[in-house]
Amino acid sequence: MSNLSKRVEEALDQIRPYLQADGGNVSLVEITDEHIVRVELLGACKTCSMSMMTMKAGIEESIKRAVPEILSVEAVNLIAMV
């Protein structure tokens, strides 16, 4: 595991208890060469109407705060609720 991956995982570990408390979780899928993190939302997070807010305000902010070189975070399985 690269240092970058390790640091992203550590950031995810900080927010996992909050996701798990609501029946959800998050898994690191990949970090692209362009420093974009791709994650998969698991459990209740996949279908929750607040998933987009969780992604931006929770997961993305936590990762970018801990690993400033990350430019953005995307969920590979998140469908925007319109």
PDB file of N, CA and C in Angstrom:
ATOM      1  N   MET A   1       0.855  -1.186   0.000  1.00  0.00           N
ATOM      2  CA  MET A   1       0.000   0.000   0.000  1.00  0.00           C
ATOM      3  C   MET A   1       0.895   1.241   0.000  1.00  0.00           C
ATOM      4  N   SER A   2       0.593   2.155  -0.885  1.00  0.00           N
ATOM      5  CA  SER A   2       1.391   3.375  -0.962  1.00  0.00           C
ATOM      6  C   SER A   2       1.113   4.265   0.247  1.00  0.00           C
ATOM      7  N   ASN A   3       2.013   5.205   0.471  1.00  0.00           N
ATOM      8  CA  ASN A   3       1.840   6.158   1.563  1.00  0.00           C
ATOM      9  C   ASN A   3       0.546   6.956   1.385  1.00  0.00           C
ATOM     10  N   LEU A   4       0.243   7.324   0.146  1.00  0.00           N
ATOM     11  CA  LEU A   4      -0.976   8.083  -0.140  1.00  0.00           C
ATOM     12  C   LEU A   4      -2.212   7.251   0.226  1.00  0.00           C
ATOM     13  N   SER A   5      -2.236   5.994  -0.189  1.00  0.00           N
ATOM     14  CA  SER A   5      -3.358   5.105   0.135  1.00  0.00           C
ATOM     15  C   SER A   5      -3.503   4.934   1.638  1.00  0.00           C
ATOM     16  N   LYS A   6      -2.377   4.790   2.317  1.00  0.00           N
ATOM     17  CA  LYS A   6      -2.399   4.600   3.768  1.00  0.00           C
ATOM     18  C   LYS A   6      -3.018   5.820   4.450  1.00  0.00           C
ATOM     19  N   ARG A   7      -2.629   7.009   4.001  1.00  0.00           N
ATOM     20  CA  ARG A   7      -3.154   8.234   4.596  1.00  0.00           C
ATOM     21  C   ARG A   7      -4.642   8.408   4.311  1.00  0.00           C
ATOM     22  N   VAL A   8      -5.092   8.037   3.112  1.00  0.00           N
ATOM     23  CA  VAL A   8      -6.514   8.111   2.781  1.00  0.00           C
ATOM     24  C   VAL A   8      -7.288   7.117   3.643  1.00  0.00           C
ATOM     25  N   GLU A   9      -6.781   5.901   3.797  1.00  0.00           N
ATOM     26  CA  GLU A   9      -7.434   4.896   4.644  1.00  0.00           C
ATOM     27  C   GLU A   9      -7.543   5.389   6.089  1.00  0.00           C
ATOM     28  N   GLU A  10      -6.485   6.047   6.575  1.00  0.00           N
ATOM     29  CA  GLU A  10      -6.520   6.584   7.940  1.00  0.00           C
ATOM     30  C   GLU A  10      -7.606   7.650   8.076  1.00  0.00           C
ATOM     31  N   ALA A  11      -7.770   8.476   7.045  1.00  0.00           N
ATOM     32  CA  ALA A  11      -8.824   9.496   7.064  1.00  0.00           C
ATOM     33  C   ALA A  11     -10.200   8.827   7.057  1.00  0.00           C
ATOM     34  N   LEU A  12     -10.351   7.778   6.253  1.00  0.00           N
ATOM     35  CA  LEU A  12     -11.619   7.048   6.220  1.00  0.00           C
ATOM     36  C   LEU A  12     -11.905   6.390   7.566  1.00  0.00           C
ATOM     37  N   ASP A  13     -10.862   5.888   8.206  1.00  0.00           N
ATOM     38  CA  ASP A  13     -11.038   5.253   9.518  1.00  0.00           C
ATOM     39  C   ASP A  13     -11.587   6.227  10.553  1.00  0.00           C
ATOM     40  N   GLN A  14     -11.307   7.518  10.374  1.00  0.00           N
ATOM     41  CA  GLN A  14     -11.796   8.527  11.309  1.00  0.00           C
ATOM     42  C   GLN A  14     -13.301   8.742  11.195  1.00  0.00           C
ATOM     43  N   ILE A  15     -13.858   8.534   9.999  1.00  0.00           N
ATOM     44  CA  ILE A  15     -15.294   8.785   9.816  1.00  0.00           C
ATOM     45  C   ILE A  15     -16.118   7.502   9.760  1.00  0.00           C
ATOM     46  N   ARG A  16     -15.468   6.367   9.635  1.00  0.00           N
ATOM     47  CA  ARG A  16     -16.207   5.092   9.570  1.00  0.00           C
ATOM     48  C   ARG A  16     -17.151   4.868  10.744  1.00  0.00           C
ATOM     49  N   PRO A  17     -16.751   5.166  11.982  1.00  0.00           N
ATOM     50  CA  PRO A  17     -17.693   4.926  13.098  1.00  0.00           C
ATOM     51  C   PRO A  17     -19.018   5.661  12.929  1.00  0.00           C
ATOM     52  N   TYR A  18     -18.994   6.851  12.351  1.00  0.00           N
ATOM     53  CA  TYR A  18     -20.216   7.623  12.146  1.00  0.00           C
ATOM     54  C   TYR A  18     -21.090   6.976  11.069  1.00  0.00           C
ATOM     55  N   LEU A  19     -20.451   6.491  10.010  1.00  0.00           N
ATOM     56  CA  LEU A  19     -21.191   5.810   8.951  1.00  0.00           C
ATOM     57  C   LEU A  19     -21.766   4.492   9.464  1.00  0.00           C
ATOM     58  N   GLN A  20     -20.950   3.754  10.205  1.00  0.00           N
ATOM     59  CA  GLN A  20     -21.381   2.457  10.726  1.00  0.00           C
ATOM     60  C   GLN A  20     -22.518   2.606  11.734  1.00  0.00           C
ATOM     61  N   ALA A  21     -22.553   3.699  12.458  1.00  0.00           N
ATOM     62  CA  ALA A  21     -23.623   3.933  13.431  1.00  0.00           C
ATOM     63  C   ALA A  21     -24.985   4.003  12.744  1.00  0.00           C
ATOM     64  N   ASP A  22     -24.985   4.396  11.465  1.00  0.00           N
ATOM     65  CA  ASP A  22     -26.227   4.474  10.695  1.00  0.00           C
ATOM     66  C   ASP A  22     -26.381   3.297   9.738  1.00  0.00           C
ATOM     67  N   GLY A  23     -25.573   2.251   9.911  1.00  0.00           N
ATOM     68  CA  GLY A  23     -25.691   1.062   9.078  1.00  0.00           C
ATOM     69  C   GLY A  23     -24.965   1.130   7.759  1.00  0.00           C
ATOM     70  N   GLY A  24     -24.047   2.064   7.618  1.00  0.00           N
ATOM     71  CA  GLY A  24     -23.319   2.212   6.369  1.00  0.00           C
ATOM     72  C   GLY A  24     -21.827   2.017   6.551  1.00  0.00           C
ATOM     73  N   ASN A  25     -21.102   2.220   5.468  1.00  0.00           N
ATOM     74  CA  ASN A  25     -19.642   2.154   5.494  1.00  0.00           C
ATOM     75  C   ASN A  25     -19.129   2.703   4.180  1.00  0.00           C
ATOM     76  N   VAL A  26     -17.810   2.759   4.051  1.00  0.00           N
ATOM     77  CA  VAL A  26     -17.182   3.239   2.831  1.00  0.00           C
ATOM     78  C   VAL A  26     -15.925   2.413   2.590  1.00  0.00           C
ATOM     79  N   SER A  27     -15.643   2.153   1.320  1.00  0.00           N
ATOM     80  CA  SER A  27     -14.471   1.363   0.953  1.00  0.00           C
ATOM     81  C   SER A  27     -13.665   2.117  -0.105  1.00  0.00           C
ATOM     82  N   LEU A  28     -12.353   2.165   0.054  1.00  0.00           N
ATOM     83  CA  LEU A  28     -11.478   2.795  -0.932  1.00  0.00           C
ATOM     84  C   LEU A  28     -11.367   1.882  -2.145  1.00  0.00           C
ATOM     85  N   VAL A  29     -11.694   2.410  -3.326  1.00  0.00           N
ATOM     86  CA  VAL A  29     -11.606   1.641  -4.563  1.00  0.00           C
ATOM     87  C   VAL A  29     -10.266   1.894  -5.236  1.00  0.00           C
ATOM     88  N   GLU A  30      -9.929   3.175  -5.417  1.00  0.00           N
ATOM     89  CA  GLU A  30      -8.665   3.515  -6.066  1.00  0.00           C
ATOM     90  C   GLU A  30      -8.325   4.978  -5.847  1.00  0.00           C
ATOM     91  N   ILE A  31      -7.059   5.284  -6.079  1.00  0.00           N
ATOM     92  CA  ILE A  31      -6.592   6.664  -6.152  1.00  0.00           C
ATOM     93  C   ILE A  31      -5.964   6.797  -7.522  1.00  0.00           C
ATOM     94  N   THR A  32      -6.512   7.677  -8.340  1.00  0.00           N
ATOM     95  CA  THR A  32      -6.016   7.818  -9.709  1.00  0.00           C
ATOM     96  C   THR A  32      -4.695   8.584  -9.733  1.00  0.00           C
ATOM     97  N   ASP A  33      -4.034   8.552 -10.883  1.00  0.00           N
ATOM     98  CA  ASP A  33      -2.789   9.307 -11.056  1.00  0.00           C
ATOM     99  C   ASP A  33      -3.026  10.806 -10.943  1.00  0.00           C
ATOM    100  N   GLU A  34      -4.290  11.217 -11.139  1.00  0.00           N
ATOM    101  CA  GLU A  34      -4.650  12.641 -11.046  1.00  0.00           C
ATOM    102  C   GLU A  34      -5.029  13.019  -9.615  1.00  0.00           C
ATOM    103  N   HIS A  35      -4.802  12.117  -8.664  1.00  0.00           N
ATOM    104  CA  HIS A  35      -5.107  12.335  -7.239  1.00  0.00           C
ATOM    105  C   HIS A  35      -6.603  12.504  -6.982  1.00  0.00           C
ATOM    106  N   ILE A  36      -7.387  11.698  -7.674  1.00  0.00           N
ATOM    107  CA  ILE A  36      -8.822  11.619  -7.416  1.00  0.00           C
ATOM    108  C   ILE A  36      -9.069  10.304  -6.689  1.00  0.00           C
ATOM    109  N   VAL A  37      -9.738  10.392  -5.552  1.00  0.00           N
ATOM    110  CA  VAL A  37     -10.050   9.200  -4.765  1.00  0.00           C
ATOM    111  C   VAL A  37     -11.412   8.693  -5.200  1.00  0.00           C
ATOM    112  N   ARG A  38     -11.480   7.393  -5.461  1.00  0.00           N
ATOM    113  CA  ARG A  38     -12.769   6.760  -5.776  1.00  0.00           C
ATOM    114  C   ARG A  38     -13.103   5.812  -4.637  1.00  0.00           C
ATOM    115  N   VAL A  39     -14.306   5.978  -4.104  1.00  0.00           N
ATOM    116  CA  VAL A  39     -14.769   5.145  -2.993  1.00  0.00           C
ATOM    117  C   VAL A  39     -16.087   4.491  -3.370  1.00  0.00           C
ATOM    118  N   GLU A  40     -16.408   3.428  -2.641  1.00  0.00           N
ATOM    119  CA  GLU A  40     -17.707   2.784  -2.793  1.00  0.00           C
ATOM    120  C   GLU A  40     -18.450   2.928  -1.480  1.00  0.00           C
ATOM    121  N   LEU A  41     -19.672   3.444  -1.572  1.00  0.00           N
ATOM    122  CA  LEU A  41     -20.516   3.537  -0.384  1.00  0.00           C
ATOM    123  C   LEU A  41     -21.174   2.181  -0.167  1.00  0.00           C
ATOM    124  N   LEU A  42     -21.203   1.743   1.080  1.00  0.00           N
ATOM    125  CA  LEU A  42     -21.699   0.418   1.412  1.00  0.00           C
ATOM    126  C   LEU A  42     -22.871   0.494   2.374  1.00  0.00           C
ATOM    127  N   GLY A  43     -23.659  -0.570   2.414  1.00  0.00           N
ATOM    128  CA  GLY A  43     -24.765  -0.658   3.361  1.00  0.00           C
ATOM    129  C   GLY A  43     -25.782   0.437   3.151  1.00  0.00           C
ATOM    130  N   ALA A  44     -26.229   1.015   4.246  1.00  0.00           N
ATOM    131  CA  ALA A  44     -27.267   2.046   4.199  1.00  0.00           C
ATOM    132  C   ALA A  44     -26.825   3.281   3.416  1.00  0.00           C
ATOM    133  N   CYS A  45     -25.527   3.516   3.312  1.00  0.00           N
ATOM    134  CA  CYS A  45     -25.032   4.707   2.600  1.00  0.00           C
ATOM    135  C   CYS A  45     -25.355   4.662   1.105  1.00  0.00           C
ATOM    136  N   LYS A  46     -25.534   3.462   0.557  1.00  0.00           N
ATOM    137  CA  LYS A  46     -25.817   3.339  -0.880  1.00  0.00           C
ATOM    138  C   LYS A  46     -27.185   3.896  -1.234  1.00  0.00           C
ATOM    139  N   THR A  47     -28.146   3.763  -0.335  1.00  0.00           N
ATOM    140  CA  THR A  47     -29.519   4.121  -0.676  1.00  0.00           C
ATOM    141  C   THR A  47     -30.050   5.315   0.097  1.00  0.00           C
ATOM    142  N   CYS A  48     -29.264   5.858   0.977  1.00  0.00           N
ATOM    143  CA  CYS A  48     -29.712   6.975   1.811  1.00  0.00           C
ATOM    144  C   CYS A  48     -29.869   8.243   0.979  1.00  0.00           C
ATOM    145  N   SER A  49     -30.934   8.980   1.231  1.00  0.00           N
ATOM    146  CA  SER A  49     -31.168  10.228   0.495  1.00  0.00           C
ATOM    147  C   SER A  49     -30.134  11.297   0.833  1.00  0.00           C
ATOM    148  N   MET A  50     -29.404  11.107   1.918  1.00  0.00           N
ATOM    149  CA  MET A  50     -28.382  12.078   2.321  1.00  0.00           C
ATOM    150  C   MET A  50     -26.978  11.682   1.844  1.00  0.00           C
ATOM    151  N   SER A  51     -26.887  10.679   0.992  1.00  0.00           N
ATOM    152  CA  SER A  51     -25.586  10.175   0.555  1.00  0.00           C
ATOM    153  C   SER A  51     -24.700  11.238  -0.079  1.00  0.00           C
ATOM    154  N   MET A  52     -25.280  12.095  -0.900  1.00  0.00           N
ATOM    155  CA  MET A  52     -24.474  13.129  -1.564  1.00  0.00           C
ATOM    156  C   MET A  52     -23.896  14.084  -0.522  1.00  0.00           C
ATOM    157  N   MET A  53     -24.688  14.452   0.467  1.00  0.00           N
ATOM    158  CA  MET A  53     -24.188  15.333   1.518  1.00  0.00           C
ATOM    159  C   MET A  53     -23.111  14.624   2.334  1.00  0.00           C
ATOM    160  N   THR A  54     -23.327  13.349   2.625  1.00  0.00           N
ATOM    161  CA  THR A  54     -22.325  12.571   3.349  1.00  0.00           C
ATOM    162  C   THR A  54     -21.027  12.538   2.560  1.00  0.00           C
ATOM    163  N   MET A  55     -21.122  12.345   1.254  1.00  0.00           N
ATOM    164  CA  MET A  55     -19.929  12.292   0.400  1.00  0.00           C
ATOM    165  C   MET A  55     -19.163  13.610   0.451  1.00  0.00           C
ATOM    166  N   LYS A  56     -19.855  14.715   0.237  1.00  0.00           N
ATOM    167  CA  LYS A  56     -19.176  16.013   0.131  1.00  0.00           C
ATOM    168  C   LYS A  56     -18.761  16.560   1.489  1.00  0.00           C
ATOM    169  N   ALA A  57     -19.691  16.616   2.430  1.00  0.00           N
ATOM    170  CA  ALA A  57     -19.412  17.257   3.715  1.00  0.00           C
ATOM    171  C   ALA A  57     -18.645  16.345   4.665  1.00  0.00           C
ATOM    172  N   GLY A  58     -18.820  15.059   4.528  1.00  0.00           N
ATOM    173  CA  GLY A  58     -18.164  14.139   5.451  1.00  0.00           C
ATOM    174  C   GLY A  58     -16.921  13.505   4.874  1.00  0.00           C
ATOM    175  N   ILE A  59     -17.112  12.645   3.902  1.00  0.00           N
ATOM    176  CA  ILE A  59     -16.012  11.843   3.375  1.00  0.00           C
ATOM    177  C   ILE A  59     -14.987  12.704   2.640  1.00  0.00           C
ATOM    178  N   GLU A  60     -15.433  13.500   1.676  1.00  0.00           N
ATOM    179  CA  GLU A  60     -14.487  14.304   0.890  1.00  0.00           C
ATOM    180  C   GLU A  60     -13.731  15.297   1.772  1.00  0.00           C
ATOM    181  N   GLU A  61     -14.434  15.993   2.643  1.00  0.00           N
ATOM    182  CA  GLU A  61     -13.767  16.970   3.506  1.00  0.00           C
ATOM    183  C   GLU A  61     -12.748  16.309   4.424  1.00  0.00           C
ATOM    184  N   SER A  62     -13.082  15.166   4.975  1.00  0.00           N
ATOM    185  CA  SER A  62     -12.153  14.463   5.868  1.00  0.00           C
ATOM    186  C   SER A  62     -10.888  14.043   5.128  1.00  0.00           C
ATOM    187  N   ILE A  63     -11.068  13.509   3.931  1.00  0.00           N
ATOM    188  CA  ILE A  63      -9.911  13.062   3.153  1.00  0.00           C
ATOM    189  C   ILE A  63      -9.050  14.251   2.741  1.00  0.00           C
ATOM    190  N   LYS A  64      -9.683  15.298   2.218  1.00  0.00           N
ATOM    191  CA  LYS A  64      -8.908  16.453   1.747  1.00  0.00           C
ATOM    192  C   LYS A  64      -8.207  17.186   2.886  1.00  0.00           C
ATOM    193  N   ARG A  65      -8.803  17.168   4.071  1.00  0.00           N
ATOM    194  CA  ARG A  65      -8.164  17.791   5.225  1.00  0.00           C
ATOM    195  C   ARG A  65      -6.924  16.988   5.636  1.00  0.00           C
ATOM    196  N   ALA A  66      -7.034  15.664   5.619  1.00  0.00           N
ATOM    197  CA  ALA A  66      -5.933  14.799   6.048  1.00  0.00           C
ATOM    198  C   ALA A  66      -4.872  14.622   4.959  1.00  0.00           C
ATOM    199  N   VAL A  67      -5.295  14.676   3.700  1.00  0.00           N
ATOM    200  CA  VAL A  67      -4.391  14.430   2.575  1.00  0.00           C
ATOM    201  C   VAL A  67      -4.601  15.556   1.553  1.00  0.00           C
ATOM    202  N   PRO A  68      -3.964  16.708   1.776  1.00  0.00           N
ATOM    203  CA  PRO A  68      -4.232  17.896   0.948  1.00  0.00           C
ATOM    204  C   PRO A  68      -3.965  17.725  -0.546  1.00  0.00           C
ATOM    205  N   GLU A  69      -3.124  16.766  -0.924  1.00  0.00           N
ATOM    206  CA  GLU A  69      -2.845  16.595  -2.356  1.00  0.00           C
ATOM    207  C   GLU A  69      -3.990  15.931  -3.120  1.00  0.00           C
ATOM    208  N   ILE A  70      -4.976  15.412  -2.410  1.00  0.00           N
ATOM    209  CA  ILE A  70      -6.153  14.840  -3.071  1.00  0.00           C
ATOM    210  C   ILE A  70      -7.021  15.984  -3.597  1.00  0.00           C
ATOM    211  N   LEU A  71      -7.383  15.900  -4.876  1.00  0.00           N
ATOM    212  CA  LEU A  71      -8.147  16.971  -5.515  1.00  0.00           C
ATOM    213  C   LEU A  71      -9.648  16.799  -5.358  1.00  0.00           C
ATOM    214  N   SER A  72     -10.127  15.566  -5.435  1.00  0.00           N
ATOM    215  CA  SER A  72     -11.554  15.334  -5.262  1.00  0.00           C
ATOM    216  C   SER A  72     -11.805  13.882  -4.888  1.00  0.00           C
ATOM    217  N   VAL A  73     -13.041  13.642  -4.454  1.00  0.00           N
ATOM    218  CA  VAL A  73     -13.462  12.310  -4.051  1.00  0.00           C
ATOM    219  C   VAL A  73     -14.756  11.995  -4.785  1.00  0.00           C
ATOM    220  N   GLU A  74     -14.811  10.816  -5.393  1.00  0.00           N
ATOM    221  CA  GLU A  74     -16.002  10.396  -6.131  1.00  0.00           C
ATOM    222  C   GLU A  74     -16.467   9.047  -5.590  1.00  0.00           C
ATOM    223  N   ALA A  75     -17.774   8.862  -5.552  1.00  0.00           N
ATOM    224  CA  ALA A  75     -18.337   7.560  -5.201  1.00  0.00           C
ATOM    225  C   ALA A  75     -18.664   6.838  -6.495  1.00  0.00           C
ATOM    226  N   VAL A  76     -18.137   5.630  -6.655  1.00  0.00           N
ATOM    227  CA  VAL A  76     -18.350   4.892  -7.889  1.00  0.00           C
ATOM    228  C   VAL A  76     -19.772   4.372  -8.019  1.00  0.00           C
ATOM    229  N   ASN A  77     -20.499   4.289  -6.907  1.00  0.00           N
ATOM    230  CA  ASN A  77     -21.835   3.713  -6.940  1.00  0.00           C
ATOM    231  C   ASN A  77     -22.926   4.673  -6.468  1.00  0.00           C
ATOM    232  N   LEU A  78     -22.617   5.958  -6.440  1.00  0.00           N
ATOM    233  CA  LEU A  78     -23.596   6.939  -5.974  1.00  0.00           C
ATOM    234  C   LEU A  78     -24.370   7.498  -7.155  1.00  0.00           C
ATOM    235  N   ILE A  79     -25.684   7.369  -7.085  1.00  0.00           N
ATOM    236  CA  ILE A  79     -26.546   7.910  -8.135  1.00  0.00           C
ATOM    237  C   ILE A  79     -27.167   9.180  -7.577  1.00  0.00           C
ATOM    238  N   ALA A  80     -27.003  10.267  -8.287  1.00  0.00           N
ATOM    239  CA  ALA A  80     -27.553  11.534  -7.812  1.00  0.00           C
ATOM    240  C   ALA A  80     -29.072  11.440  -7.743  1.00  0.00           C
ATOM    241  N   MET A  81     -29.598  11.846  -6.591  1.00  0.00           N
ATOM    242  CA  MET A  81     -31.051  11.838  -6.403  1.00  0.00           C
ATOM    243  C   MET A  81     -31.608  13.135  -6.965  1.00  0.00           C
ATOM    244  N   VAL A  82     -32.438  13.034  -7.970  1.00  0.00           N
ATOM    245  CA  VAL A  82     -32.974  14.240  -8.617  1.00  0.00           C
ATOM    246  C   VAL A  82     -34.413  14.431  -8.221  1.00  0.00           C
TER     247      VAL A  82
END
